[in-house]
Amino acid sequence: MTSPRRTKPSRDASAPTIAEIAERIAARRVDLQLTQQSLAELAGVSRSSVQAVEYGTGSVKLGLVVAIADVLGLNLDISPQ
């Protein structure tokens, strides 16, 4: 018996990529004239975590992104397809 093949999920072209989310977070921080350190303090995370989110590197927990987005006044929207 063969196992079912996994198919690559289709990507919604309107959904932003990790790089685009990172870019928007960094731009919003700069618009608000916040340093990475001050944003980190306001969000209750480390500066290196803010840097990782802004560069889109490493594995970042969703809760961390939510905390940063909240401080920046950004919404993360998860809608049904």
Protein backbone atom coordinates (compact mmCIF):
# COMPACT_ATOMS: atom_id res chain seq x y z
CA MET A 1 0.00 0.00 0.00
CA THR A 2 1.40 3.36 -0.98
CA SER A 3 1.10 6.44 1.14
CA PRO A 4 -0.81 9.45 -0.15
CA ARG A 5 1.24 12.05 -1.94
CA ARG A 6 1.55 15.40 -0.32
CA THR A 7 0.67 18.29 -2.52
CA LYS A 8 2.14 21.70 -2.18
CA PRO A 9 -0.54 24.07 -0.85
CA SER A 10 -1.48 26.78 -3.29
CA ARG A 11 -0.28 30.20 -2.22
CA ASP A 12 -2.72 33.09 -2.26
CA ALA A 13 -1.03 35.74 -4.40
CA SER A 14 -2.54 38.48 -2.23
CA ALA A 15 -1.03 37.05 0.97
CA PRO A 16 2.26 38.71 1.94
CA THR A 17 5.47 36.71 2.13
CA ILE A 18 7.59 36.56 5.28
CA ALA A 19 9.97 39.07 3.68
CA GLU A 20 7.11 41.48 2.97
CA ILE A 21 5.81 41.21 6.54
CA ALA A 22 9.33 41.85 7.85
CA GLU A 23 9.68 44.86 5.58
CA ARG A 24 6.33 46.32 6.71
CA ILE A 25 7.21 45.86 10.39
CA ALA A 26 10.59 47.57 9.94
CA ALA A 27 9.07 50.43 7.95
CA ARG A 28 6.36 51.02 10.55
CA ARG A 29 8.96 51.07 13.35
CA VAL A 30 11.00 53.67 11.46
CA ASP A 31 7.84 55.73 10.72
CA LEU A 32 7.12 55.80 14.46
CA GLN A 33 10.75 56.80 15.13
CA LEU A 34 11.36 53.81 17.38
CA THR A 35 14.67 52.03 17.75
CA GLN A 36 14.75 48.25 17.76
CA GLN A 37 15.60 48.45 21.47
CA SER A 38 12.67 50.73 22.34
CA LEU A 39 10.25 48.57 20.34
CA ALA A 40 11.59 45.49 22.10
CA GLU A 41 11.01 47.08 25.51
CA LEU A 42 7.47 48.14 24.60
CA ALA A 43 6.64 44.67 23.23
CA GLY A 44 8.32 42.83 26.09
CA VAL A 45 10.75 40.98 23.85
CA SER A 46 14.50 41.10 23.21
CA ARG A 47 16.11 43.42 20.69
CA SER A 48 17.51 40.40 18.87
CA SER A 49 13.94 39.10 18.51
CA VAL A 50 12.87 42.38 16.89
CA GLN A 51 15.88 42.14 14.60
CA ALA A 52 15.02 38.54 13.65
CA VAL A 53 11.44 39.56 12.81
CA GLU A 54 12.58 42.55 10.74
CA TYR A 55 15.14 40.50 8.81
CA GLY A 56 12.78 37.54 8.43
CA THR A 57 15.49 35.21 9.71
CA GLY A 58 15.51 32.31 12.11
CA SER A 59 12.45 30.69 13.54
CA VAL A 60 10.24 33.27 15.18
CA LYS A 61 7.20 32.38 17.25
CA LEU A 62 3.89 33.78 16.11
CA GLY A 63 3.22 35.27 19.56
CA LEU A 64 6.35 37.37 19.22
CA VAL A 65 5.22 38.76 15.86
CA VAL A 66 1.77 39.48 17.32
CA ALA A 67 3.28 41.38 20.29
CA ILE A 68 5.46 43.50 17.99
CA ALA A 69 2.62 44.16 15.54
CA ASP A 70 0.35 45.19 18.41
CA VAL A 71 2.84 47.79 19.67
CA LEU A 72 3.20 49.13 16.13
CA GLY A 73 -0.57 49.33 15.63
CA LEU A 74 -0.51 46.72 12.88
CA ASN A 75 -3.10 43.99 12.33
CA LEU A 76 -2.29 40.41 11.47
CA ASP A 77 -5.30 39.04 9.64
CA ILE A 78 -6.04 35.37 9.24
CA SER A 79 -9.13 34.94 7.12
CA PRO A 80 -10.80 31.83 5.71
CA GLN A 81 -9.92 31.01 2.12
